[in-house]
């Protein structure tokens, strides 16, 4: 998939070292909300994770993960995933993260729009969700700017990596 500024590419071993670099650069910010961050900081873990992502992509299982690459520079910016929630509906969740140095330029909003278009047109999705920790205002604003409907708060349904009990804001967009 491509947008004006981005390429969204399937997972590959070619981008694994760049992804690891981006996670390491951004671990303090990402680690506030994403529990997998401490387990993604070594080369061995990153390689295994990438192999699993490739298998998931090839078999249409779990999560379809895309590397977000800036067209003009070739820089690895982050990841956007289309998490398969129910193939029979079809219904998906969009998840994303961006390296800290690339936050605030609209890259995630642009990537979400591309994945959304793909899910509705190609995968015939009937529902897309974006979930975020209730205090993750940056992630929530992506959903709001993208026209997702706020459906409510799932109270006390998650633990943040800090161990603190938290809630989840739920947003959705329904296919026509």
C-alpha atoms as a PDB file:
ATOM      1  CA  UNK A   1       0.000   0.000   0.000  1.00  0.00           C
ATOM      2  CA  UNK A   2       1.112   3.548  -0.650  1.00  0.00           C
ATOM      3  CA  UNK A   3      -0.008   7.003   0.332  1.00  0.00           C
ATOM      4  CA  UNK A   4       1.307  10.408  -0.659  1.00  0.00           C
ATOM      5  CA  UNK A   5       4.230  10.161   1.781  1.00  0.00           C
ATOM      6  CA  UNK A   6       4.330   6.531   2.897  1.00  0.00           C
ATOM      7  CA  UNK A   7       4.858   2.955   1.822  1.00  0.00           C
ATOM      8  CA  UNK A   8       3.179   0.307   3.968  1.00  0.00           C
ATOM      9  CA  UNK A   9       5.114  -2.892   3.399  1.00  0.00           C
ATOM     10  CA  UNK A  10       4.512  -6.453   4.627  1.00  0.00           C
ATOM     11  CA  UNK A  11       6.891  -7.678   7.334  1.00  0.00           C
ATOM     12  CA  UNK A  12      10.319  -8.723   6.099  1.00  0.00           C
ATOM     13  CA  UNK A  13      13.695  -9.620   7.505  1.00  0.00           C
ATOM     14  CA  UNK A  14      15.093  -6.677   5.500  1.00  0.00           C
ATOM     15  CA  UNK A  15      13.355  -4.195   7.799  1.00  0.00           C
ATOM     16  CA  UNK A  16      13.875  -6.116  11.065  1.00  0.00           C
ATOM     17  CA  UNK A  17      17.100  -4.257  12.046  1.00  0.00           C
ATOM     18  CA  UNK A  18      15.449  -0.898  11.299  1.00  0.00           C
ATOM     19  CA  UNK A  19      12.415  -1.824  13.365  1.00  0.00           C
ATOM     20  CA  UNK A  20      14.645  -2.842  16.274  1.00  0.00           C
ATOM     21  CA  UNK A  21      16.461   0.496  16.009  1.00  0.00           C
ATOM     22  CA  UNK A  22      13.146   2.385  16.079  1.00  0.00           C
ATOM     23  CA  UNK A  23      11.887   0.430  19.109  1.00  0.00           C
ATOM     24  CA  UNK A  24      15.131   1.034  20.986  1.00  0.00           C
ATOM     25  CA  UNK A  25      14.999   4.756  20.144  1.00  0.00           C
ATOM     26  CA  UNK A  26      11.415   4.987  21.370  1.00  0.00           C
ATOM     27  CA  UNK A  27      11.279   2.457  24.194  1.00  0.00           C
ATOM     28  CA  UNK A  28      10.626   5.000  26.953  1.00  0.00           C
ATOM     29  CA  UNK A  29       7.578   6.441  25.192  1.00  0.00           C
ATOM     30  CA  UNK A  30       6.263   3.161  23.754  1.00  0.00           C
ATOM     31  CA  UNK A  31       6.798   1.288  26.998  1.00  0.00           C
ATOM     32  CA  UNK A  32       4.244   3.431  28.864  1.00  0.00           C
ATOM     33  CA  UNK A  33       1.343   1.741  27.022  1.00  0.00           C
ATOM     34  CA  UNK A  34       2.708  -1.267  25.105  1.00  0.00           C
ATOM     35  CA  UNK A  35       3.511  -4.341  27.205  1.00  0.00           C
ATOM     36  CA  UNK A  36       5.590  -6.039  24.501  1.00  0.00           C
ATOM     37  CA  UNK A  37       8.322  -3.367  24.438  1.00  0.00           C
ATOM     38  CA  UNK A  38      10.639  -4.952  27.070  1.00  0.00           C
ATOM     39  CA  UNK A  39      10.506  -8.200  25.098  1.00  0.00           C
ATOM     40  CA  UNK A  40      11.385  -6.578  21.771  1.00  0.00           C
ATOM     41  CA  UNK A  41      14.723  -4.991  22.613  1.00  0.00           C
ATOM     42  CA  UNK A  42      17.159  -7.755  21.637  1.00  0.00           C
ATOM     43  CA  UNK A  43      18.114  -8.875  18.159  1.00  0.00           C
ATOM     44  CA  UNK A  44      17.066 -12.475  18.878  1.00  0.00           C
ATOM     45  CA  UNK A  45      13.587 -11.413  20.045  1.00  0.00           C
ATOM     46  CA  UNK A  46      13.214  -9.024  17.128  1.00  0.00           C
ATOM     47  CA  UNK A  47      14.133 -11.719  14.612  1.00  0.00           C
ATOM     48  CA  UNK A  48      11.684 -14.207  16.140  1.00  0.00           C
ATOM     49  CA  UNK A  49       8.940 -11.580  16.239  1.00  0.00           C
ATOM     50  CA  UNK A  50       9.544 -10.706  12.581  1.00  0.00           C
ATOM     51  CA  UNK A  51       9.455 -14.372  11.554  1.00  0.00           C
ATOM     52  CA  UNK A  52       6.112 -14.740  13.346  1.00  0.00           C
ATOM     53  CA  UNK A  53       4.787 -11.586  11.661  1.00  0.00           C
ATOM     54  CA  UNK A  54       5.809 -12.956   8.242  1.00  0.00           C
ATOM     55  CA  UNK A  55       4.052 -16.264   8.976  1.00  0.00           C
ATOM     56  CA  UNK A  56       0.914 -14.469  10.179  1.00  0.00           C
ATOM     57  CA  UNK A  57       0.878 -12.323   7.052  1.00  0.00           C
ATOM     58  CA  UNK A  58       1.355 -15.289   4.689  1.00  0.00           C
ATOM     59  CA  UNK A  59      -1.358 -17.315   6.457  1.00  0.00           C
ATOM     60  CA  UNK A  60      -3.802 -14.449   7.116  1.00  0.00           C
ATOM     61  CA  UNK A  61      -3.692 -15.136  10.864  1.00  0.00           C
ATOM     62  CA  UNK A  62      -3.391 -13.053  14.007  1.00  0.00           C
ATOM     63  CA  UNK A  63      -2.156  -9.696  12.765  1.00  0.00           C
ATOM     64  CA  UNK A  64      -1.288  -8.361   9.347  1.00  0.00           C
ATOM     65  CA  UNK A  65       1.643  -6.133  10.231  1.00  0.00           C
ATOM     66  CA  UNK A  66       2.986  -3.431   7.915  1.00  0.00           C
ATOM     67  CA  UNK A  67       6.228  -1.498   8.162  1.00  0.00           C
ATOM     68  CA  UNK A  68       5.665   2.233   7.722  1.00  0.00           C
ATOM     69  CA  UNK A  69       8.384   3.631   5.452  1.00  0.00           C
ATOM     70  CA  UNK A  70       8.749   7.293   4.526  1.00  0.00           C
ATOM     71  CA  UNK A  71       8.932   7.462   0.725  1.00  0.00           C
ATOM     72  CA  UNK A  72      11.199  10.512   0.451  1.00  0.00           C
ATOM     73  CA  UNK A  73      13.894   9.179   2.809  1.00  0.00           C
ATOM     74  CA  UNK A  74      13.369   5.413   3.027  1.00  0.00           C
ATOM     75  CA  UNK A  75      13.321   5.812   6.813  1.00  0.00           C
ATOM     76  CA  UNK A  76      11.543   3.202   8.937  1.00  0.00           C
ATOM     77  CA  UNK A  77       8.919   5.162  10.902  1.00  0.00           C
ATOM     78  CA  UNK A  78       6.944   2.495  12.744  1.00  0.00           C
ATOM     79  CA  UNK A  79       4.376  -0.251  12.358  1.00  0.00           C
ATOM     80  CA  UNK A  80       0.665  -0.458  11.698  1.00  0.00           C
ATOM     81  CA  UNK A  81      -1.205  -3.694  12.149  1.00  0.00           C
ATOM     82  CA  UNK A  82      -4.563  -5.002  11.100  1.00  0.00           C
ATOM     83  CA  UNK A  83      -5.478  -7.437  13.867  1.00  0.00           C
ATOM     84  CA  UNK A  84      -7.911 -10.110  12.721  1.00  0.00           C
ATOM     85  CA  UNK A  85     -10.702 -10.250  15.311  1.00  0.00           C
ATOM     86  CA  UNK A  86     -13.296 -12.323  13.433  1.00  0.00           C
ATOM     87  CA  UNK A  87     -12.945 -13.503   9.823  1.00  0.00           C
ATOM     88  CA  UNK A  88     -16.632 -14.431   9.568  1.00  0.00           C
ATOM     89  CA  UNK A  89     -17.856 -10.844  10.022  1.00  0.00           C
ATOM     90  CA  UNK A  90     -15.093  -9.651   8.884  1.00  0.00           C
ATOM     91  CA  UNK A  91     -13.953  -7.494  11.781  1.00  0.00           C
ATOM     92  CA  UNK A  92     -10.494  -6.052  12.471  1.00  0.00           C
ATOM     93  CA  UNK A  93      -8.666  -3.856  14.955  1.00  0.00           C
ATOM     94  CA  UNK A  94      -6.058  -1.326  13.874  1.00  0.00           C
ATOM     95  CA  UNK A  95      -2.994  -0.993  16.091  1.00  0.00           C
ATOM     96  CA  UNK A  96       0.015   1.240  15.538  1.00  0.00           C
ATOM     97  CA  UNK A  97       3.187   2.697  16.941  1.00  0.00           C
ATOM     98  CA  UNK A  98       5.592   5.305  15.640  1.00  0.00           C
ATOM     99  CA  UNK A  99       9.195   6.059  16.477  1.00  0.00           C
ATOM    100  CA  UNK A 100       9.404   9.021  18.835  1.00  0.00           C
ATOM    101  CA  UNK A 101      11.295  11.268  16.424  1.00  0.00           C
ATOM    102  CA  UNK A 102       8.490  10.980  13.846  1.00  0.00           C
ATOM    103  CA  UNK A 103       5.494  11.746  16.090  1.00  0.00           C
ATOM    104  CA  UNK A 104       3.421  14.818  15.293  1.00  0.00           C
ATOM    105  CA  UNK A 105       3.690  14.844  11.481  1.00  0.00           C
ATOM    106  CA  UNK A 106       0.446  13.019  10.652  1.00  0.00           C
ATOM    107  CA  UNK A 107       2.143   9.793   9.556  1.00  0.00           C
ATOM    108  CA  UNK A 108      -0.082   7.520  11.658  1.00  0.00           C
ATOM    109  CA  UNK A 109      -3.282   9.243  10.544  1.00  0.00           C
ATOM    110  CA  UNK A 110      -2.170   8.774   6.931  1.00  0.00           C
ATOM    111  CA  UNK A 111      -1.304   5.109   7.521  1.00  0.00           C
ATOM    112  CA  UNK A 112      -4.606   4.448   9.322  1.00  0.00           C
ATOM    113  CA  UNK A 113      -6.543   5.854   6.367  1.00  0.00           C
ATOM    114  CA  UNK A 114      -4.664   3.572   3.938  1.00  0.00           C
ATOM    115  CA  UNK A 115      -5.210   0.451   6.063  1.00  0.00           C
ATOM    116  CA  UNK A 116      -8.845   1.398   6.598  1.00  0.00           C
ATOM    117  CA  UNK A 117      -9.421   1.749   2.842  1.00  0.00           C
ATOM    118  CA  UNK A 118      -7.739  -1.624   2.234  1.00  0.00           C
ATOM    119  CA  UNK A 119      -9.803  -3.326   4.963  1.00  0.00           C
ATOM    120  CA  UNK A 120     -13.139  -1.984   3.723  1.00  0.00           C
ATOM    121  CA  UNK A 121     -12.511  -2.353  -0.023  1.00  0.00           C
ATOM    122  CA  UNK A 122     -10.336  -5.461  -0.305  1.00  0.00           C
ATOM    123  CA  UNK A 123     -11.158  -7.437   2.834  1.00  0.00           C
ATOM    124  CA  UNK A 124     -14.846  -6.390   2.880  1.00  0.00           C
ATOM    125  CA  UNK A 125     -14.600  -5.429   6.556  1.00  0.00           C
ATOM    126  CA  UNK A 126     -17.848  -4.644   8.322  1.00  0.00           C
ATOM    127  CA  UNK A 127     -16.177  -3.237  11.439  1.00  0.00           C
ATOM    128  CA  UNK A 128     -12.839  -1.625  12.278  1.00  0.00           C
ATOM    129  CA  UNK A 129     -11.795  -0.778  15.806  1.00  0.00           C
ATOM    130  CA  UNK A 130      -9.112   1.353  17.363  1.00  0.00           C
ATOM    131  CA  UNK A 131      -8.538   0.811  21.088  1.00  0.00           C
ATOM    132  CA  UNK A 132      -6.264   2.867  23.319  1.00  0.00           C
ATOM    133  CA  UNK A 133      -5.506   3.182  26.988  1.00  0.00           C
ATOM    134  CA  UNK A 134      -7.843   5.859  28.298  1.00  0.00           C
ATOM    135  CA  UNK A 135      -4.892   8.164  29.124  1.00  0.00           C
ATOM    136  CA  UNK A 136      -3.161   7.664  25.749  1.00  0.00           C
ATOM    137  CA  UNK A 137      -4.474  10.917  24.308  1.00  0.00           C
ATOM    138  CA  UNK A 138      -2.201  10.876  21.237  1.00  0.00           C
ATOM    139  CA  UNK A 139      -3.496   7.497  20.130  1.00  0.00           C
ATOM    140  CA  UNK A 140      -7.084   8.430  20.906  1.00  0.00           C
ATOM    141  CA  UNK A 141      -6.772  11.616  18.850  1.00  0.00           C
ATOM    142  CA  UNK A 142      -5.746   9.540  15.804  1.00  0.00           C
ATOM    143  CA  UNK A 143      -9.075   7.681  16.038  1.00  0.00           C
ATOM    144  CA  UNK A 144     -11.025  10.886  16.568  1.00  0.00           C
ATOM    145  CA  UNK A 145      -9.354  12.721  13.666  1.00  0.00           C
ATOM    146  CA  UNK A 146      -9.985   9.684  11.477  1.00  0.00           C
ATOM    147  CA  UNK A 147     -13.726   9.869  12.041  1.00  0.00           C
ATOM    148  CA  UNK A 148     -14.019   6.818  14.275  1.00  0.00           C
ATOM    149  CA  UNK A 149     -17.043   6.785  16.571  1.00  0.00           C
ATOM    150  CA  UNK A 150     -16.307   6.748  20.289  1.00  0.00           C
ATOM    151  CA  UNK A 151     -18.225   3.745  21.609  1.00  0.00           C
ATOM    152  CA  UNK A 152     -17.249   3.904  25.253  1.00  0.00           C
ATOM    153  CA  UNK A 153     -14.795   2.966  27.957  1.00  0.00           C
ATOM    154  CA  UNK A 154     -13.997  -0.586  28.997  1.00  0.00           C
ATOM    155  CA  UNK A 155     -13.371   0.043  32.694  1.00  0.00           C
ATOM    156  CA  UNK A 156     -10.465  -1.582  34.509  1.00  0.00           C
ATOM    157  CA  UNK A 157      -9.782  -4.017  31.662  1.00  0.00           C
ATOM    158  CA  UNK A 158      -5.987  -3.694  31.386  1.00  0.00           C
ATOM    159  CA  UNK A 159      -2.786  -3.292  33.291  1.00  0.00           C
ATOM    160  CA  UNK A 160      -0.281  -0.840  31.961  1.00  0.00           C
ATOM    161  CA  UNK A 161       3.346  -1.968  31.810  1.00  0.00           C
ATOM    162  CA  UNK A 162       3.852   0.010  35.053  1.00  0.00           C
ATOM    163  CA  UNK A 163       1.404  -2.354  36.764  1.00  0.00           C
ATOM    164  CA  UNK A 164      -1.214   0.375  37.146  1.00  0.00           C
ATOM    165  CA  UNK A 165      -4.822  -0.658  36.478  1.00  0.00           C
ATOM    166  CA  UNK A 166      -6.255   1.212  33.496  1.00  0.00           C
ATOM    167  CA  UNK A 167      -9.244   1.368  31.175  1.00  0.00           C
ATOM    168  CA  UNK A 168      -9.580   1.261  27.401  1.00  0.00           C
ATOM    169  CA  UNK A 169     -11.233   3.788  25.088  1.00  0.00           C
ATOM    170  CA  UNK A 170     -13.030   2.038  22.223  1.00  0.00           C
ATOM    171  CA  UNK A 171     -13.544   3.596  18.795  1.00  0.00           C
ATOM    172  CA  UNK A 172     -15.084   1.990  15.714  1.00  0.00           C
ATOM    173  CA  UNK A 173     -15.964   2.604  12.104  1.00  0.00           C
ATOM    174  CA  UNK A 174     -18.618   0.502  10.418  1.00  0.00           C
ATOM    175  CA  UNK A 175     -18.505  -0.550   6.768  1.00  0.00           C
ATOM    176  CA  UNK A 176     -21.389   0.194   4.483  1.00  0.00           C
END
